[in-house]
Amino acid sequence: MNEPTRRARSGERREQILEVALRLFGERGAGNVTTRQIALAVGISQPSLYAHFASADAIAEELCVRAFDALHARFAAKLIDVDDPWQRIDILGRSYIEFGLEHPDMYRIAFMPTRETAPPPDVTFDLATCDPGMAAGLHAFAALRDPVVRICGRDDAAIGVISQAIWALVHGLTALLISKPYFPWAERETLIEAVLAMARAYLADQQVTD
């Protein structure tokens, strides 16, 4: 087998491992899935899996980065030619919810992880130094923070609180719709619009009072 073919097949196997792992993580929770189980589901030996990933945590991190990158790509596509920051807030909130509902397994691995451990006390959440999963998450979060900065006309610690509170609103609805699909929810579009209206009202209040 020549080297390009070998690399191509290795890449295909890697993608297969990630695809199967994402499904298993979604079904059982990432913290309940081992490399042995992933290898068995793929149809390879555990040592063969280790040729691609050192651990289940490494697989989870790769999937987390991909999920955040996919979310950020959706944000970028939806925001093309949209300059108004208020409109951007609405688009970002709706895109976030839609992404979670269309890709629940990806959403769980990025925003509802069961393998995540507490960072060391001296960790710094800096894009240049943090781990790839955190860096990808901060990159996606920056898309929300930017219009909040523009609306409020400043960039300080309070902007972090405002941005994270808006994120918490849309995340709460998304997580509930994913984790409790059989609850007698109100009409989905009405519910989404209600949450986005709450985010707009909160932001408007912060704009006036801060």
N, C-alpha and C. Protein backbone atom coordinates (compact mmCIF):
# COMPACT_ATOMS: atom_id res chain seq x y z
N MET A 1 0.86 -1.20 0.00
CA MET A 1 0.00 0.00 0.00
C MET A 1 0.90 1.25 0.00
N ASN A 2 0.68 2.16 -0.95
CA ASN A 2 1.51 3.36 -0.98
C ASN A 2 1.12 4.32 0.14
N GLU A 3 2.01 5.29 0.39
CA GLU A 3 1.84 6.17 1.55
C GLU A 3 0.57 7.03 1.46
N PRO A 4 0.24 7.64 0.30
CA PRO A 4 -1.00 8.42 0.24
C PRO A 4 -2.24 7.58 0.54
N THR A 5 -2.27 6.35 0.04
CA THR A 5 -3.40 5.48 0.32
C THR A 5 -3.46 5.13 1.79
N ARG A 6 -2.31 4.88 2.40
CA ARG A 6 -2.25 4.56 3.82
C ARG A 6 -2.80 5.72 4.66
N ARG A 7 -2.36 6.94 4.30
CA ARG A 7 -2.83 8.11 5.03
C ARG A 7 -4.33 8.30 4.86
N ALA A 8 -4.82 8.08 3.64
CA ALA A 8 -6.26 8.24 3.37
C ALA A 8 -7.06 7.26 4.21
N ARG A 9 -6.60 6.02 4.27
CA ARG A 9 -7.33 5.01 5.04
C ARG A 9 -7.25 5.30 6.54
N SER A 10 -6.10 5.82 6.97
CA SER A 10 -5.96 6.20 8.37
C SER A 10 -6.93 7.33 8.71
N GLY A 11 -7.05 8.30 7.79
CA GLY A 11 -7.99 9.40 8.01
C GLY A 11 -9.42 8.91 8.05
N GLU A 12 -9.75 7.97 7.19
CA GLU A 12 -11.11 7.41 7.18
C GLU A 12 -11.40 6.69 8.49
N ARG A 13 -10.41 5.93 8.98
CA ARG A 13 -10.61 5.22 10.24
C ARG A 13 -10.80 6.20 11.40
N ARG A 14 -10.03 7.26 11.39
CA ARG A 14 -10.15 8.28 12.43
C ARG A 14 -11.55 8.88 12.44
N GLU A 15 -12.05 9.19 11.25
CA GLU A 15 -13.40 9.76 11.14
C GLU A 15 -14.44 8.75 11.60
N GLN A 16 -14.22 7.49 11.30
CA GLN A 16 -15.16 6.46 11.73
C GLN A 16 -15.18 6.35 13.25
N ILE A 17 -14.03 6.41 13.87
CA ILE A 17 -13.95 6.37 15.33
C ILE A 17 -14.71 7.55 15.94
N LEU A 18 -14.50 8.73 15.38
CA LEU A 18 -15.18 9.92 15.90
C LEU A 18 -16.70 9.81 15.72
N GLU A 19 -17.13 9.33 14.58
CA GLU A 19 -18.56 9.19 14.31
C GLU A 19 -19.21 8.21 15.29
N VAL A 20 -18.57 7.07 15.49
CA VAL A 20 -19.12 6.06 16.40
C VAL A 20 -19.09 6.57 17.84
N ALA A 21 -17.98 7.22 18.23
CA ALA A 21 -17.86 7.73 19.59
C ALA A 21 -18.93 8.78 19.87
N LEU A 22 -19.20 9.65 18.91
CA LEU A 22 -20.23 10.67 19.10
C LEU A 22 -21.58 10.03 19.36
N ARG A 23 -21.89 8.98 18.60
CA ARG A 23 -23.16 8.28 18.81
C ARG A 23 -23.21 7.63 20.19
N LEU A 24 -22.15 6.98 20.59
CA LEU A 24 -22.12 6.31 21.90
C LEU A 24 -22.17 7.33 23.03
N PHE A 25 -21.44 8.43 22.88
CA PHE A 25 -21.48 9.47 23.91
C PHE A 25 -22.89 10.02 24.04
N GLY A 26 -23.57 10.20 22.91
CA GLY A 26 -24.94 10.71 22.95
C GLY A 26 -25.90 9.74 23.61
N GLU A 27 -25.70 8.45 23.38
CA GLU A 27 -26.60 7.43 23.94
C GLU A 27 -26.36 7.20 25.42
N ARG A 28 -25.09 7.20 25.85
CA ARG A 28 -24.75 6.76 27.20
C ARG A 28 -24.16 7.85 28.09
N GLY A 29 -23.78 8.96 27.49
CA GLY A 29 -23.04 9.97 28.23
C GLY A 29 -21.56 9.70 28.08
N ALA A 30 -20.80 10.74 27.75
CA ALA A 30 -19.38 10.56 27.45
C ALA A 30 -18.62 9.93 28.60
N GLY A 31 -19.01 10.24 29.83
CA GLY A 31 -18.32 9.69 30.98
C GLY A 31 -18.54 8.21 31.19
N ASN A 32 -19.48 7.63 30.47
CA ASN A 32 -19.81 6.21 30.63
C ASN A 32 -19.33 5.35 29.47
N VAL A 33 -18.51 5.93 28.60
CA VAL A 33 -18.05 5.20 27.41
C VAL A 33 -16.54 5.04 27.48
N THR A 34 -16.05 3.83 27.22
CA THR A 34 -14.62 3.54 27.26
C THR A 34 -14.08 3.35 25.84
N THR A 35 -12.77 3.39 25.73
CA THR A 35 -12.14 3.14 24.44
C THR A 35 -12.41 1.71 23.98
N ARG A 36 -12.52 0.80 24.92
CA ARG A 36 -12.82 -0.59 24.57
C ARG A 36 -14.18 -0.69 23.89
N GLN A 37 -15.17 0.02 24.44
CA GLN A 37 -16.51 -0.01 23.86
C GLN A 37 -16.53 0.65 22.49
N ILE A 38 -15.79 1.74 22.35
CA ILE A 38 -15.73 2.43 21.06
C ILE A 38 -15.08 1.53 20.01
N ALA A 39 -13.96 0.91 20.38
CA ALA A 39 -13.26 0.02 19.45
C ALA A 39 -14.15 -1.13 19.02
N LEU A 40 -14.88 -1.70 19.98
CA LEU A 40 -15.78 -2.82 19.66
C LEU A 40 -16.85 -2.38 18.67
N ALA A 41 -17.42 -1.20 18.90
CA ALA A 41 -18.48 -0.70 18.02
C ALA A 41 -17.94 -0.38 16.62
N VAL A 42 -16.70 0.06 16.55
CA VAL A 42 -16.09 0.37 15.25
C VAL A 42 -15.71 -0.91 14.52
N GLY A 43 -15.38 -1.97 15.32
CA GLY A 43 -14.95 -3.22 14.72
C GLY A 43 -13.45 -3.33 14.60
N ILE A 44 -12.74 -2.67 15.51
CA ILE A 44 -11.29 -2.73 15.53
C ILE A 44 -10.83 -3.10 16.92
N SER A 45 -9.55 -3.38 17.06
CA SER A 45 -9.00 -3.69 18.38
C SER A 45 -8.74 -2.40 19.14
N GLN A 46 -8.64 -2.52 20.46
CA GLN A 46 -8.33 -1.35 21.27
C GLN A 46 -6.96 -0.76 20.92
N PRO A 47 -5.91 -1.57 20.72
CA PRO A 47 -4.63 -1.00 20.29
C PRO A 47 -4.73 -0.25 18.96
N SER A 48 -5.58 -0.72 18.06
CA SER A 48 -5.75 -0.01 16.78
C SER A 48 -6.36 1.36 17.00
N LEU A 49 -7.30 1.45 17.95
CA LEU A 49 -7.89 2.75 18.28
C LEU A 49 -6.83 3.68 18.85
N TYR A 50 -5.94 3.12 19.70
CA TYR A 50 -4.90 3.95 20.31
C TYR A 50 -3.91 4.49 19.29
N ALA A 51 -3.88 3.94 18.11
CA ALA A 51 -3.04 4.50 17.06
C ALA A 51 -3.56 5.85 16.60
N HIS A 52 -4.84 6.13 16.90
CA HIS A 52 -5.46 7.38 16.49
C HIS A 52 -5.73 8.32 17.67
N PHE A 53 -6.12 7.76 18.80
CA PHE A 53 -6.45 8.56 19.98
C PHE A 53 -5.88 7.90 21.22
N ALA A 54 -5.32 8.70 22.11
CA ALA A 54 -4.69 8.15 23.31
C ALA A 54 -5.70 7.72 24.36
N SER A 55 -6.90 8.27 24.32
CA SER A 55 -7.88 7.98 25.36
C SER A 55 -9.27 8.41 24.90
N ALA A 56 -10.27 8.01 25.67
CA ALA A 56 -11.64 8.48 25.40
C ALA A 56 -11.74 9.97 25.61
N ASP A 57 -10.98 10.51 26.56
CA ASP A 57 -10.97 11.95 26.78
C ASP A 57 -10.45 12.69 25.55
N ALA A 58 -9.44 12.12 24.89
CA ALA A 58 -8.90 12.75 23.69
C ALA A 58 -9.93 12.76 22.57
N ILE A 59 -10.70 11.70 22.48
CA ILE A 59 -11.78 11.64 21.49
C ILE A 59 -12.84 12.69 21.81
N ALA A 60 -13.20 12.76 23.09
CA ALA A 60 -14.22 13.73 23.51
C ALA A 60 -13.75 15.16 23.22
N GLU A 61 -12.47 15.45 23.47
CA GLU A 61 -11.97 16.79 23.22
C GLU A 61 -12.03 17.13 21.73
N GLU A 62 -11.65 16.17 20.88
CA GLU A 62 -11.71 16.40 19.44
C GLU A 62 -13.15 16.68 18.99
N LEU A 63 -14.09 15.92 19.52
CA LEU A 63 -15.49 16.13 19.18
C LEU A 63 -15.99 17.46 19.71
N CYS A 64 -15.52 17.84 20.89
CA CYS A 64 -15.91 19.13 21.46
C CYS A 64 -15.44 20.28 20.59
N VAL A 65 -14.18 20.21 20.14
CA VAL A 65 -13.64 21.25 19.28
C VAL A 65 -14.45 21.33 17.98
N ARG A 66 -14.76 20.18 17.41
CA ARG A 66 -15.52 20.15 16.16
C ARG A 66 -16.92 20.74 16.35
N ALA A 67 -17.53 20.46 17.49
CA ALA A 67 -18.87 20.99 17.75
C ALA A 67 -18.83 22.51 17.85
N PHE A 68 -17.87 23.05 18.61
CA PHE A 68 -17.75 24.49 18.73
C PHE A 68 -17.43 25.14 17.38
N ASP A 69 -16.56 24.50 16.61
CA ASP A 69 -16.21 25.04 15.29
C ASP A 69 -17.43 25.05 14.36
N ALA A 70 -18.23 23.98 14.43
CA ALA A 70 -19.43 23.93 13.60
C ALA A 70 -20.43 25.01 14.01
N LEU A 71 -20.55 25.23 15.33
CA LEU A 71 -21.45 26.28 15.81
C LEU A 71 -20.96 27.65 15.36
N HIS A 72 -19.66 27.89 15.48
CA HIS A 72 -19.11 29.18 15.06
C HIS A 72 -19.28 29.39 13.56
N ALA A 73 -19.11 28.33 12.79
CA ALA A 73 -19.31 28.44 11.34
C ALA A 73 -20.75 28.80 11.02
N ARG A 74 -21.69 28.23 11.78
CA ARG A 74 -23.11 28.57 11.57
C ARG A 74 -23.34 30.03 11.90
N PHE A 75 -22.77 30.50 13.01
CA PHE A 75 -22.89 31.90 13.37
C PHE A 75 -22.39 32.79 12.22
N ALA A 76 -21.21 32.48 11.72
CA ALA A 76 -20.60 33.30 10.67
C ALA A 76 -21.48 33.33 9.42
N ALA A 77 -22.02 32.18 9.06
CA ALA A 77 -22.86 32.11 7.86
C ALA A 77 -24.14 32.92 8.03
N LYS A 78 -24.73 32.85 9.22
CA LYS A 78 -25.99 33.55 9.47
C LYS A 78 -25.80 35.06 9.60
N LEU A 79 -24.60 35.49 9.97
CA LEU A 79 -24.37 36.91 10.25
C LEU A 79 -23.81 37.68 9.06
N ILE A 80 -23.61 36.98 7.95
CA ILE A 80 -23.10 37.67 6.76
C ILE A 80 -24.05 38.81 6.38
N ASP A 81 -23.48 39.99 6.20
CA ASP A 81 -24.24 41.19 5.78
C ASP A 81 -25.22 41.68 6.85
N VAL A 82 -25.10 41.20 8.09
CA VAL A 82 -25.95 41.70 9.18
C VAL A 82 -25.07 42.51 10.12
N ASP A 83 -25.27 43.82 10.15
CA ASP A 83 -24.42 44.69 10.97
C ASP A 83 -25.10 45.13 12.26
N ASP A 84 -26.42 45.24 12.25
CA ASP A 84 -27.13 45.74 13.43
C ASP A 84 -26.92 44.79 14.61
N PRO A 85 -26.38 45.28 15.73
CA PRO A 85 -26.07 44.39 16.86
C PRO A 85 -27.29 43.74 17.49
N TRP A 86 -28.42 44.43 17.50
CA TRP A 86 -29.64 43.84 18.06
C TRP A 86 -30.11 42.67 17.21
N GLN A 87 -30.04 42.86 15.91
CA GLN A 87 -30.42 41.77 15.00
C GLN A 87 -29.45 40.60 15.14
N ARG A 88 -28.18 40.93 15.35
CA ARG A 88 -27.18 39.87 15.53
C ARG A 88 -27.46 39.06 16.80
N ILE A 89 -27.89 39.71 17.86
CA ILE A 89 -28.23 38.99 19.10
C ILE A 89 -29.35 37.99 18.82
N ASP A 90 -30.38 38.43 18.12
CA ASP A 90 -31.51 37.54 17.79
C ASP A 90 -31.04 36.36 16.94
N ILE A 91 -30.24 36.65 15.92
CA ILE A 91 -29.77 35.60 15.02
C ILE A 91 -28.89 34.60 15.77
N LEU A 92 -28.01 35.11 16.62
CA LEU A 92 -27.12 34.23 17.38
C LEU A 92 -27.91 33.33 18.32
N GLY A 93 -28.88 33.91 19.02
CA GLY A 93 -29.68 33.11 19.94
C GLY A 93 -30.47 32.03 19.22
N ARG A 94 -31.10 32.39 18.14
CA ARG A 94 -31.88 31.42 17.38
C ARG A 94 -30.97 30.36 16.75
N SER A 95 -29.84 30.77 16.22
CA SER A 95 -28.92 29.81 15.60
C SER A 95 -28.38 28.83 16.62
N TYR A 96 -28.12 29.32 17.82
CA TYR A 96 -27.63 28.46 18.90
C TYR A 96 -28.65 27.38 19.23
N ILE A 97 -29.90 27.79 19.40
CA ILE A 97 -30.96 26.84 19.74
C ILE A 97 -31.16 25.83 18.60
N GLU A 98 -31.21 26.33 17.38
CA GLU A 98 -31.40 25.45 16.23
C GLU A 98 -30.25 24.45 16.10
N PHE A 99 -29.03 24.90 16.34
CA PHE A 99 -27.88 24.00 16.26
C PHE A 99 -28.03 22.86 17.27
N GLY A 100 -28.40 23.21 18.50
CA GLY A 100 -28.56 22.18 19.52
C GLY A 100 -29.64 21.18 19.18
N LEU A 101 -30.75 21.65 18.65
CA LEU A 101 -31.86 20.75 18.33
C LEU A 101 -31.57 19.89 17.10
N GLU A 102 -30.81 20.43 16.15
CA GLU A 102 -30.47 19.66 14.95
C GLU A 102 -29.32 18.68 15.20
N HIS A 103 -28.44 19.01 16.14
CA HIS A 103 -27.27 18.17 16.42
C HIS A 103 -27.15 17.92 17.93
N PRO A 104 -28.11 17.21 18.51
CA PRO A 104 -28.11 17.05 19.98
C PRO A 104 -26.87 16.36 20.52
N ASP A 105 -26.32 15.39 19.79
CA ASP A 105 -25.13 14.71 20.29
C ASP A 105 -23.93 15.66 20.31
N MET A 106 -23.79 16.46 19.27
CA MET A 106 -22.71 17.45 19.25
C MET A 106 -22.92 18.49 20.35
N TYR A 107 -24.16 18.88 20.56
CA TYR A 107 -24.45 19.87 21.59
C TYR A 107 -24.10 19.33 22.97
N ARG A 108 -24.45 18.08 23.22
CA ARG A 108 -24.15 17.49 24.53
C ARG A 108 -22.66 17.47 24.80
N ILE A 109 -21.87 17.07 23.81
CA ILE A 109 -20.44 16.94 24.03
C ILE A 109 -19.80 18.30 24.26
N ALA A 110 -20.36 19.37 23.67
CA ALA A 110 -19.79 20.71 23.83
C ALA A 110 -20.32 21.42 25.08
N PHE A 111 -21.62 21.30 25.34
CA PHE A 111 -22.25 22.11 26.38
C PHE A 111 -22.81 21.34 27.56
N MET A 112 -22.91 20.02 27.44
CA MET A 112 -23.45 19.21 28.53
C MET A 112 -22.53 18.00 28.76
N PRO A 113 -21.22 18.24 28.93
CA PRO A 113 -20.27 17.12 28.99
C PRO A 113 -20.38 16.35 30.30
N THR A 114 -20.02 15.07 30.23
CA THR A 114 -19.97 14.25 31.44
C THR A 114 -18.55 13.75 31.71
N ARG A 115 -17.59 14.17 30.88
CA ARG A 115 -16.19 13.80 31.12
C ARG A 115 -15.39 14.96 31.65
N GLU A 116 -15.95 16.15 31.67
CA GLU A 116 -15.20 17.34 32.02
C GLU A 116 -14.78 17.31 33.47
N THR A 117 -13.54 17.66 33.73
CA THR A 117 -13.04 17.76 35.09
C THR A 117 -12.74 19.21 35.41
N ALA A 118 -12.67 19.52 36.70
CA ALA A 118 -12.40 20.90 37.11
C ALA A 118 -10.99 21.30 36.69
N PRO A 119 -10.81 22.53 36.19
CA PRO A 119 -9.48 22.97 35.79
C PRO A 119 -8.61 23.22 37.02
N PRO A 120 -7.31 23.17 36.87
CA PRO A 120 -6.45 23.50 38.01
C PRO A 120 -6.66 24.93 38.44
N PRO A 121 -6.35 25.26 39.72
CA PRO A 121 -6.67 26.60 40.23
C PRO A 121 -5.94 27.73 39.52
N ASP A 122 -4.80 27.42 38.87
CA ASP A 122 -4.02 28.47 38.22
C ASP A 122 -4.31 28.57 36.72
N VAL A 123 -5.41 27.91 36.25
CA VAL A 123 -5.70 27.93 34.83
C VAL A 123 -6.05 29.34 34.37
N THR A 124 -5.64 29.71 33.17
CA THR A 124 -6.01 31.00 32.58
C THR A 124 -6.80 30.74 31.31
N PHE A 125 -7.94 31.40 31.19
CA PHE A 125 -8.79 31.19 30.04
C PHE A 125 -8.37 32.16 28.93
N ASP A 126 -7.20 31.90 28.41
CA ASP A 126 -6.62 32.72 27.36
C ASP A 126 -6.54 31.88 26.09
N LEU A 127 -6.98 32.45 24.97
CA LEU A 127 -7.01 31.69 23.72
C LEU A 127 -5.64 31.15 23.32
N ALA A 128 -4.59 31.85 23.74
CA ALA A 128 -3.26 31.43 23.33
C ALA A 128 -2.72 30.27 24.17
N THR A 129 -3.28 30.06 25.36
CA THR A 129 -2.69 29.08 26.27
C THR A 129 -3.64 27.98 26.74
N CYS A 130 -4.95 28.15 26.58
CA CYS A 130 -5.88 27.16 27.11
C CYS A 130 -5.97 25.95 26.18
N ASP A 131 -6.63 24.90 26.66
CA ASP A 131 -6.73 23.68 25.87
C ASP A 131 -7.61 23.90 24.63
N PRO A 132 -7.50 23.04 23.62
CA PRO A 132 -8.23 23.26 22.36
C PRO A 132 -9.73 23.37 22.52
N GLY A 133 -10.32 22.55 23.41
CA GLY A 133 -11.76 22.62 23.60
C GLY A 133 -12.20 23.95 24.16
N MET A 134 -11.49 24.43 25.19
CA MET A 134 -11.82 25.74 25.77
C MET A 134 -11.59 26.85 24.76
N ALA A 135 -10.50 26.77 24.00
CA ALA A 135 -10.22 27.80 23.00
C ALA A 135 -11.33 27.88 21.97
N ALA A 136 -11.80 26.72 21.51
CA ALA A 136 -12.88 26.71 20.53
C ALA A 136 -14.16 27.28 21.12
N GLY A 137 -14.42 26.97 22.39
CA GLY A 137 -15.60 27.50 23.06
C GLY A 137 -15.54 29.00 23.23
N LEU A 138 -14.38 29.51 23.64
CA LEU A 138 -14.22 30.96 23.79
C LEU A 138 -14.35 31.68 22.46
N HIS A 139 -13.86 31.04 21.41
CA HIS A 139 -13.96 31.63 20.06
C HIS A 139 -15.42 31.77 19.66
N ALA A 140 -16.22 30.74 19.94
CA ALA A 140 -17.64 30.79 19.61
C ALA A 140 -18.36 31.82 20.48
N PHE A 141 -18.01 31.87 21.78
CA PHE A 141 -18.65 32.80 22.70
C PHE A 141 -18.38 34.25 22.32
N ALA A 142 -17.21 34.50 21.73
CA ALA A 142 -16.87 35.87 21.33
C ALA A 142 -17.87 36.44 20.33
N ALA A 143 -18.51 35.58 19.56
CA ALA A 143 -19.52 36.04 18.60
C ALA A 143 -20.70 36.67 19.32
N LEU A 144 -21.04 36.17 20.52
CA LEU A 144 -22.13 36.76 21.30
C LEU A 144 -21.67 38.00 22.04
N ARG A 145 -20.47 37.97 22.58
CA ARG A 145 -19.97 39.10 23.36
C ARG A 145 -19.85 40.36 22.50
N ASP A 146 -19.45 40.20 21.25
CA ASP A 146 -19.20 41.36 20.39
C ASP A 146 -20.42 42.28 20.25
N PRO A 147 -21.62 41.79 19.89
CA PRO A 147 -22.76 42.72 19.78
C PRO A 147 -23.18 43.30 21.13
N VAL A 148 -22.94 42.57 22.22
CA VAL A 148 -23.25 43.12 23.55
C VAL A 148 -22.35 44.32 23.83
N VAL A 149 -21.07 44.20 23.48
CA VAL A 149 -20.14 45.32 23.63
C VAL A 149 -20.60 46.51 22.80
N ARG A 150 -21.03 46.25 21.58
CA ARG A 150 -21.46 47.34 20.70
C ARG A 150 -22.72 48.01 21.22
N ILE A 151 -23.64 47.24 21.74
CA ILE A 151 -24.90 47.81 22.24
C ILE A 151 -24.65 48.63 23.50
N CYS A 152 -23.82 48.12 24.39
CA CYS A 152 -23.58 48.80 25.67
C CYS A 152 -22.51 49.88 25.57
N GLY A 153 -21.73 49.86 24.49
CA GLY A 153 -20.75 50.91 24.29
C GLY A 153 -19.53 50.84 25.17
N ARG A 154 -19.21 49.67 25.69
CA ARG A 154 -18.03 49.50 26.52
C ARG A 154 -17.67 48.02 26.57
N ASP A 155 -16.49 47.73 27.11
CA ASP A 155 -16.04 46.35 27.25
C ASP A 155 -15.36 46.21 28.60
N ASP A 156 -16.12 45.77 29.59
CA ASP A 156 -15.58 45.63 30.94
C ASP A 156 -16.11 44.34 31.56
N ALA A 157 -15.88 44.16 32.84
CA ALA A 157 -16.29 42.93 33.51
C ALA A 157 -17.80 42.73 33.44
N ALA A 158 -18.56 43.81 33.50
CA ALA A 158 -20.02 43.69 33.46
C ALA A 158 -20.50 43.12 32.13
N ILE A 159 -19.77 43.38 31.07
CA ILE A 159 -20.14 42.85 29.76
C ILE A 159 -20.07 41.33 29.78
N GLY A 160 -19.11 40.77 30.49
CA GLY A 160 -19.03 39.33 30.64
C GLY A 160 -20.26 38.77 31.32
N VAL A 161 -20.73 39.45 32.36
CA VAL A 161 -21.93 39.01 33.08
C VAL A 161 -23.15 39.06 32.16
N ILE A 162 -23.31 40.16 31.45
CA ILE A 162 -24.45 40.32 30.55
C ILE A 162 -24.44 39.24 29.46
N SER A 163 -23.29 39.06 28.83
CA SER A 163 -23.17 38.09 27.74
C SER A 163 -23.45 36.68 28.24
N GLN A 164 -22.90 36.34 29.41
CA GLN A 164 -23.10 35.00 29.94
C GLN A 164 -24.54 34.78 30.40
N ALA A 165 -25.19 35.83 30.88
CA ALA A 165 -26.60 35.70 31.27
C ALA A 165 -27.48 35.42 30.05
N ILE A 166 -27.20 36.08 28.94
CA ILE A 166 -27.95 35.83 27.71
C ILE A 166 -27.69 34.41 27.22
N TRP A 167 -26.44 33.99 27.28
CA TRP A 167 -26.09 32.62 26.91
C TRP A 167 -26.84 31.63 27.79
N ALA A 168 -26.90 31.91 29.09
CA ALA A 168 -27.59 31.01 30.00
C ALA A 168 -29.07 30.87 29.64
N LEU A 169 -29.68 31.94 29.19
CA LEU A 169 -31.08 31.88 28.79
C LEU A 169 -31.29 30.91 27.63
N VAL A 170 -30.51 31.10 26.56
CA VAL A 170 -30.72 30.25 25.38
C VAL A 170 -30.23 28.82 25.64
N HIS A 171 -29.18 28.69 26.43
CA HIS A 171 -28.70 27.35 26.76
C HIS A 171 -29.74 26.60 27.59
N GLY A 172 -30.36 27.29 28.54
CA GLY A 172 -31.36 26.63 29.37
C GLY A 172 -32.49 26.04 28.56
N LEU A 173 -33.01 26.81 27.61
CA LEU A 173 -34.08 26.29 26.76
C LEU A 173 -33.58 25.14 25.89
N THR A 174 -32.41 25.32 25.29
CA THR A 174 -31.88 24.27 24.41
C THR A 174 -31.66 22.97 25.17
N ALA A 175 -31.02 23.06 26.32
CA ALA A 175 -30.74 21.87 27.11
C ALA A 175 -32.02 21.17 27.56
N LEU A 176 -33.02 21.94 27.94
CA LEU A 176 -34.28 21.34 28.37
C LEU A 176 -35.00 20.65 27.21
N LEU A 177 -35.01 21.29 26.05
CA LEU A 177 -35.68 20.68 24.89
C LEU A 177 -34.99 19.38 24.48
N ILE A 178 -33.65 19.34 24.64
CA ILE A 178 -32.91 18.13 24.30
C ILE A 178 -33.10 17.04 25.34
N SER A 179 -33.00 17.40 26.62
CA SER A 179 -33.01 16.39 27.67
C SER A 179 -34.42 15.95 28.08
N LYS A 180 -35.42 16.79 27.80
CA LYS A 180 -36.80 16.46 28.18
C LYS A 180 -37.73 16.57 26.97
N PRO A 181 -37.50 15.77 25.93
CA PRO A 181 -38.26 15.92 24.69
C PRO A 181 -39.75 15.59 24.84
N TYR A 182 -40.12 14.82 25.87
CA TYR A 182 -41.51 14.39 26.01
C TYR A 182 -42.30 15.26 26.99
N PHE A 183 -41.66 16.30 27.51
CA PHE A 183 -42.40 17.24 28.35
C PHE A 183 -43.43 17.97 27.48
N PRO A 184 -44.60 18.30 28.02
CA PRO A 184 -45.61 19.00 27.20
C PRO A 184 -45.25 20.46 26.96
N TRP A 185 -44.23 20.67 26.14
CA TRP A 185 -43.78 22.03 25.87
C TRP A 185 -44.83 22.83 25.10
N ALA A 186 -44.78 24.14 25.30
CA ALA A 186 -45.59 25.04 24.48
C ALA A 186 -45.10 24.98 23.04
N GLU A 187 -45.83 25.59 22.13
CA GLU A 187 -45.42 25.60 20.72
C GLU A 187 -43.99 26.13 20.63
N ARG A 188 -43.14 25.38 19.93
CA ARG A 188 -41.69 25.63 19.99
C ARG A 188 -41.32 27.03 19.55
N GLU A 189 -41.83 27.50 18.43
CA GLU A 189 -41.48 28.82 17.93
C GLU A 189 -41.87 29.90 18.92
N THR A 190 -43.04 29.76 19.54
CA THR A 190 -43.48 30.73 20.53
C THR A 190 -42.54 30.73 21.73
N LEU A 191 -42.11 29.54 22.13
CA LEU A 191 -41.21 29.41 23.27
C LEU A 191 -39.85 30.04 22.96
N ILE A 192 -39.33 29.78 21.78
CA ILE A 192 -38.04 30.35 21.39
C ILE A 192 -38.12 31.87 21.35
N GLU A 193 -39.18 32.40 20.76
CA GLU A 193 -39.33 33.84 20.68
C GLU A 193 -39.46 34.47 22.06
N ALA A 194 -40.14 33.78 22.99
CA ALA A 194 -40.27 34.28 24.35
C ALA A 194 -38.90 34.40 25.03
N VAL A 195 -38.05 33.40 24.84
CA VAL A 195 -36.71 33.44 25.44
C VAL A 195 -35.87 34.54 24.81
N LEU A 196 -35.94 34.68 23.49
CA LEU A 196 -35.20 35.75 22.83
C LEU A 196 -35.70 37.12 23.25
N ALA A 197 -37.00 37.26 23.47
CA ALA A 197 -37.55 38.53 23.95
C ALA A 197 -37.04 38.85 25.35
N MET A 198 -36.92 37.83 26.20
CA MET A 198 -36.35 38.02 27.53
C MET A 198 -34.90 38.49 27.43
N ALA A 199 -34.15 37.91 26.51
CA ALA A 199 -32.76 38.32 26.32
C ALA A 199 -32.68 39.77 25.87
N ARG A 200 -33.54 40.16 24.93
CA ARG A 200 -33.53 41.54 24.45
C ARG A 200 -33.91 42.52 25.56
N ALA A 201 -34.92 42.16 26.34
CA ALA A 201 -35.38 43.03 27.42
C ALA A 201 -34.29 43.20 28.48
N TYR A 202 -33.64 42.11 28.82
CA TYR A 202 -32.55 42.17 29.81
C TYR A 202 -31.41 43.04 29.30
N LEU A 203 -31.05 42.87 28.04
CA LEU A 203 -29.95 43.65 27.47
C LEU A 203 -30.33 45.13 27.40
N ALA A 204 -31.55 45.42 27.04
CA ALA A 204 -32.00 46.81 26.98
C ALA A 204 -31.94 47.44 28.36
N ASP A 205 -32.32 46.69 29.38
CA ASP A 205 -32.29 47.19 30.76
C ASP A 205 -30.85 47.47 31.19
N GLN A 206 -29.93 46.59 30.84
CA GLN A 206 -28.52 46.80 31.19
C GLN A 206 -27.95 48.00 30.45
N GLN A 207 -28.42 48.20 29.23
CA GLN A 207 -27.93 49.34 28.43
C GLN A 207 -28.32 50.65 29.09
N VAL A 208 -29.50 50.69 29.70
CA VAL A 208 -30.01 51.91 30.31
C VAL A 208 -29.41 52.15 31.68
N THR A 209 -29.27 51.07 32.47
CA THR A 209 -28.90 51.26 33.87
C THR A 209 -27.41 51.26 34.14
N ASP A 210 -26.60 50.73 33.21
CA ASP A 210 -25.15 50.63 33.50
C ASP A 210 -24.37 51.85 33.01
